[in-house]
Amino acid sequence: MGSFKEIALWAGFDITFHTLRHTHASLLLGTGEQLSVVQERLGHERASTTSDIYAHVLPNRQEKSAKLFAEIMSVGR
């Protein structure tokens, strides 16, 4: 059997294994999976490594968190 790249090209996809790995992590983080879970799946020793590499997927987290906190604080008003 050939390399991942060869198999992907045979199947009609021009991607590398690294691209697949990056997409996997980006999709998980983008849909709200915990950073620590993605860190473990990727095998990074530190969460900061994962965060540094995939920071572009996380910007909306602060906005989402602020909205959630506002909802919590408005309960009972």
N, C-alpha and C. Protein backbone atom coordinates (compact mmCIF):
# COMPACT_ATOMS: atom_id res chain seq x y z
N MET A 1 0.85 -1.19 0.00
CA MET A 1 0.00 0.00 0.00
C MET A 1 0.88 1.23 0.00
N GLY A 2 0.44 2.31 -0.58
CA GLY A 2 1.22 3.52 -0.71
C GLY A 2 1.13 4.41 0.51
N SER A 3 1.76 5.57 0.40
CA SER A 3 1.72 6.55 1.47
C SER A 3 0.33 7.17 1.54
N PHE A 4 0.07 7.89 2.63
CA PHE A 4 -1.22 8.56 2.77
C PHE A 4 -1.47 9.48 1.58
N LYS A 5 -0.44 10.23 1.21
CA LYS A 5 -0.56 11.18 0.09
C LYS A 5 -0.94 10.45 -1.20
N GLU A 6 -0.31 9.33 -1.46
CA GLU A 6 -0.60 8.56 -2.67
C GLU A 6 -2.04 8.03 -2.66
N ILE A 7 -2.46 7.53 -1.52
CA ILE A 7 -3.83 7.01 -1.39
C ILE A 7 -4.84 8.14 -1.54
N ALA A 8 -4.56 9.29 -0.93
CA ALA A 8 -5.47 10.43 -1.04
C ALA A 8 -5.59 10.88 -2.49
N LEU A 9 -4.46 10.97 -3.19
CA LEU A 9 -4.50 11.37 -4.60
C LEU A 9 -5.27 10.35 -5.44
N TRP A 10 -5.06 9.08 -5.16
CA TRP A 10 -5.79 8.02 -5.85
C TRP A 10 -7.29 8.18 -5.66
N ALA A 11 -7.69 8.62 -4.44
CA ALA A 11 -9.11 8.80 -4.12
C ALA A 11 -9.65 10.15 -4.60
N GLY A 12 -8.77 10.97 -5.16
CA GLY A 12 -9.22 12.25 -5.69
C GLY A 12 -9.08 13.42 -4.74
N PHE A 13 -8.28 13.27 -3.68
CA PHE A 13 -8.07 14.34 -2.71
C PHE A 13 -6.61 14.74 -2.70
N ASP A 14 -6.35 16.02 -2.86
CA ASP A 14 -4.98 16.52 -2.82
C ASP A 14 -4.70 17.07 -1.42
N ILE A 15 -4.56 16.18 -0.45
CA ILE A 15 -4.30 16.56 0.94
C ILE A 15 -3.17 15.71 1.51
N THR A 16 -2.60 16.21 2.58
CA THR A 16 -1.58 15.45 3.30
C THR A 16 -2.18 14.98 4.62
N PHE A 17 -1.48 14.08 5.29
CA PHE A 17 -1.95 13.62 6.59
C PHE A 17 -1.96 14.80 7.57
N HIS A 18 -0.97 15.67 7.47
CA HIS A 18 -0.90 16.84 8.35
C HIS A 18 -2.14 17.73 8.15
N THR A 19 -2.56 17.92 6.91
CA THR A 19 -3.75 18.71 6.62
C THR A 19 -4.98 18.07 7.26
N LEU A 20 -5.08 16.78 7.17
CA LEU A 20 -6.20 16.05 7.78
C LEU A 20 -6.19 16.21 9.30
N ARG A 21 -5.01 16.11 9.90
CA ARG A 21 -4.86 16.28 11.35
C ARG A 21 -5.26 17.69 11.76
N HIS A 22 -4.81 18.69 11.00
CA HIS A 22 -5.12 20.08 11.30
C HIS A 22 -6.63 20.34 11.17
N THR A 23 -7.24 19.80 10.14
CA THR A 23 -8.67 19.95 9.94
C THR A 23 -9.45 19.31 11.08
N HIS A 24 -9.03 18.13 11.48
CA HIS A 24 -9.65 17.41 12.60
C HIS A 24 -9.67 18.28 13.85
N ALA A 25 -8.51 18.82 14.21
CA ALA A 25 -8.40 19.65 15.41
C ALA A 25 -9.22 20.94 15.28
N SER A 26 -9.13 21.57 14.13
CA SER A 26 -9.86 22.83 13.91
C SER A 26 -11.36 22.64 14.01
N LEU A 27 -11.87 21.57 13.42
CA LEU A 27 -13.31 21.31 13.48
C LEU A 27 -13.77 21.02 14.91
N LEU A 28 -13.00 20.23 15.63
CA LEU A 28 -13.36 19.94 17.02
C LEU A 28 -13.39 21.21 17.86
N LEU A 29 -12.33 22.00 17.78
CA LEU A 29 -12.27 23.24 18.56
C LEU A 29 -13.34 24.22 18.12
N GLY A 30 -13.58 24.31 16.84
CA GLY A 30 -14.58 25.23 16.32
C GLY A 30 -15.99 24.91 16.74
N THR A 31 -16.24 23.66 17.06
CA THR A 31 -17.58 23.27 17.51
C THR A 31 -17.69 23.20 19.02
N GLY A 32 -16.62 23.64 19.71
CA GLY A 32 -16.71 23.76 21.16
C GLY A 32 -16.07 22.66 21.98
N GLU A 33 -15.38 21.73 21.35
CA GLU A 33 -14.71 20.69 22.14
C GLU A 33 -13.67 21.34 23.04
N GLN A 34 -13.49 20.78 24.22
CA GLN A 34 -12.54 21.32 25.18
C GLN A 34 -11.11 21.24 24.64
N LEU A 35 -10.35 22.28 24.90
CA LEU A 35 -8.96 22.33 24.46
C LEU A 35 -8.17 21.13 24.97
N SER A 36 -8.41 20.74 26.21
CA SER A 36 -7.66 19.62 26.79
C SER A 36 -7.94 18.30 26.07
N VAL A 37 -9.15 18.13 25.57
CA VAL A 37 -9.51 16.92 24.84
C VAL A 37 -8.77 16.88 23.50
N VAL A 38 -8.77 18.01 22.80
CA VAL A 38 -8.07 18.09 21.52
C VAL A 38 -6.57 17.93 21.72
N GLN A 39 -6.05 18.53 22.77
CA GLN A 39 -4.63 18.38 23.11
C GLN A 39 -4.27 16.91 23.25
N GLU A 40 -5.07 16.17 23.98
CA GLU A 40 -4.81 14.74 24.19
C GLU A 40 -4.90 13.97 22.87
N ARG A 41 -5.89 14.29 22.06
CA ARG A 41 -6.06 13.58 20.78
C ARG A 41 -4.86 13.80 19.85
N LEU A 42 -4.30 15.03 19.90
CA LEU A 42 -3.17 15.35 19.05
C LEU A 42 -1.84 14.87 19.63
N GLY A 43 -1.85 14.58 20.93
CA GLY A 43 -0.61 14.13 21.57
C GLY A 43 0.31 15.26 21.98
N HIS A 44 -0.22 16.47 22.07
CA HIS A 44 0.61 17.59 22.52
C HIS A 44 0.84 17.45 24.03
N GLU A 45 2.05 17.74 24.44
CA GLU A 45 2.39 17.64 25.86
C GLU A 45 1.68 18.71 26.68
N ARG A 46 1.54 19.89 26.10
CA ARG A 46 0.93 21.02 26.81
C ARG A 46 -0.26 21.58 26.03
N ALA A 47 -1.27 22.02 26.78
CA ALA A 47 -2.43 22.65 26.15
C ALA A 47 -2.03 23.95 25.47
N SER A 48 -1.00 24.61 25.99
CA SER A 48 -0.55 25.86 25.38
C SER A 48 -0.05 25.64 23.95
N THR A 49 0.53 24.49 23.67
CA THR A 49 0.97 24.17 22.31
C THR A 49 -0.23 24.12 21.38
N THR A 50 -1.26 23.41 21.80
CA THR A 50 -2.48 23.30 21.00
C THR A 50 -3.12 24.67 20.82
N SER A 51 -3.20 25.43 21.90
CA SER A 51 -3.79 26.76 21.86
C SER A 51 -3.03 27.68 20.93
N ASP A 52 -1.71 27.64 20.98
CA ASP A 52 -0.89 28.49 20.11
C ASP A 52 -1.11 28.17 18.63
N ILE A 53 -1.19 26.89 18.31
CA ILE A 53 -1.34 26.47 16.92
C ILE A 53 -2.75 26.74 16.39
N TYR A 54 -3.75 26.54 17.24
CA TYR A 54 -5.14 26.63 16.79
C TYR A 54 -5.87 27.85 17.32
N ALA A 55 -5.14 28.89 17.69
CA ALA A 55 -5.74 30.10 18.25
C ALA A 55 -6.75 30.73 17.29
N HIS A 56 -6.54 30.57 15.99
CA HIS A 56 -7.45 31.17 15.00
C HIS A 56 -8.86 30.58 15.06
N VAL A 57 -9.00 29.42 15.67
CA VAL A 57 -10.31 28.77 15.78
C VAL A 57 -11.04 29.22 17.04
N LEU A 58 -10.32 29.80 17.98
CA LEU A 58 -10.87 30.10 19.29
C LEU A 58 -11.37 31.53 19.53
N PRO A 59 -11.22 32.50 18.63
CA PRO A 59 -11.60 33.88 18.96
C PRO A 59 -13.04 34.07 19.41
N ASN A 60 -13.98 33.33 18.85
CA ASN A 60 -15.38 33.53 19.22
C ASN A 60 -15.70 32.96 20.60
N ARG A 61 -14.77 32.28 21.21
CA ARG A 61 -15.01 31.71 22.53
C ARG A 61 -15.30 32.78 23.56
N GLN A 62 -14.56 33.90 23.52
CA GLN A 62 -14.78 34.97 24.48
C GLN A 62 -16.17 35.58 24.32
N GLU A 63 -16.58 35.80 23.10
CA GLU A 63 -17.91 36.35 22.85
C GLU A 63 -18.99 35.38 23.32
N LYS A 64 -18.81 34.11 23.01
CA LYS A 64 -19.78 33.10 23.42
C LYS A 64 -19.86 33.02 24.94
N SER A 65 -18.71 33.08 25.60
CA SER A 65 -18.67 33.02 27.06
C SER A 65 -19.33 34.24 27.68
N ALA A 66 -19.09 35.41 27.10
CA ALA A 66 -19.70 36.63 27.61
C ALA A 66 -21.22 36.58 27.50
N LYS A 67 -21.72 36.07 26.38
CA LYS A 67 -23.17 35.94 26.20
C LYS A 67 -23.76 34.96 27.20
N LEU A 68 -23.07 33.84 27.41
CA LEU A 68 -23.54 32.85 28.37
C LEU A 68 -23.59 33.44 29.77
N PHE A 69 -22.54 34.17 30.16
CA PHE A 69 -22.50 34.78 31.48
C PHE A 69 -23.63 35.81 31.62
N ALA A 70 -23.88 36.59 30.59
CA ALA A 70 -24.95 37.57 30.63
C ALA A 70 -26.31 36.88 30.82
N GLU A 71 -26.49 35.75 30.16
CA GLU A 71 -27.74 34.99 30.32
C GLU A 71 -27.88 34.48 31.76
N ILE A 72 -26.80 33.99 32.31
CA ILE A 72 -26.83 33.49 33.70
C ILE A 72 -27.19 34.62 34.65
N MET A 73 -26.58 35.78 34.45
CA MET A 73 -26.82 36.91 35.35
C MET A 73 -28.22 37.50 35.20
N SER A 74 -28.85 37.32 34.04
CA SER A 74 -30.17 37.90 33.83
C SER A 74 -31.29 36.99 34.31
N VAL A 75 -30.97 35.77 34.68
CA VAL A 75 -31.99 34.85 35.19
C VAL A 75 -32.53 35.39 36.51
N GLY A 76 -33.82 35.46 36.63
CA GLY A 76 -34.45 35.93 37.85
C GLY A 76 -34.68 37.42 37.89
N ARG A 77 -34.29 38.11 36.84
CA ARG A 77 -34.52 39.56 36.81
C ARG A 77 -35.86 39.86 36.24
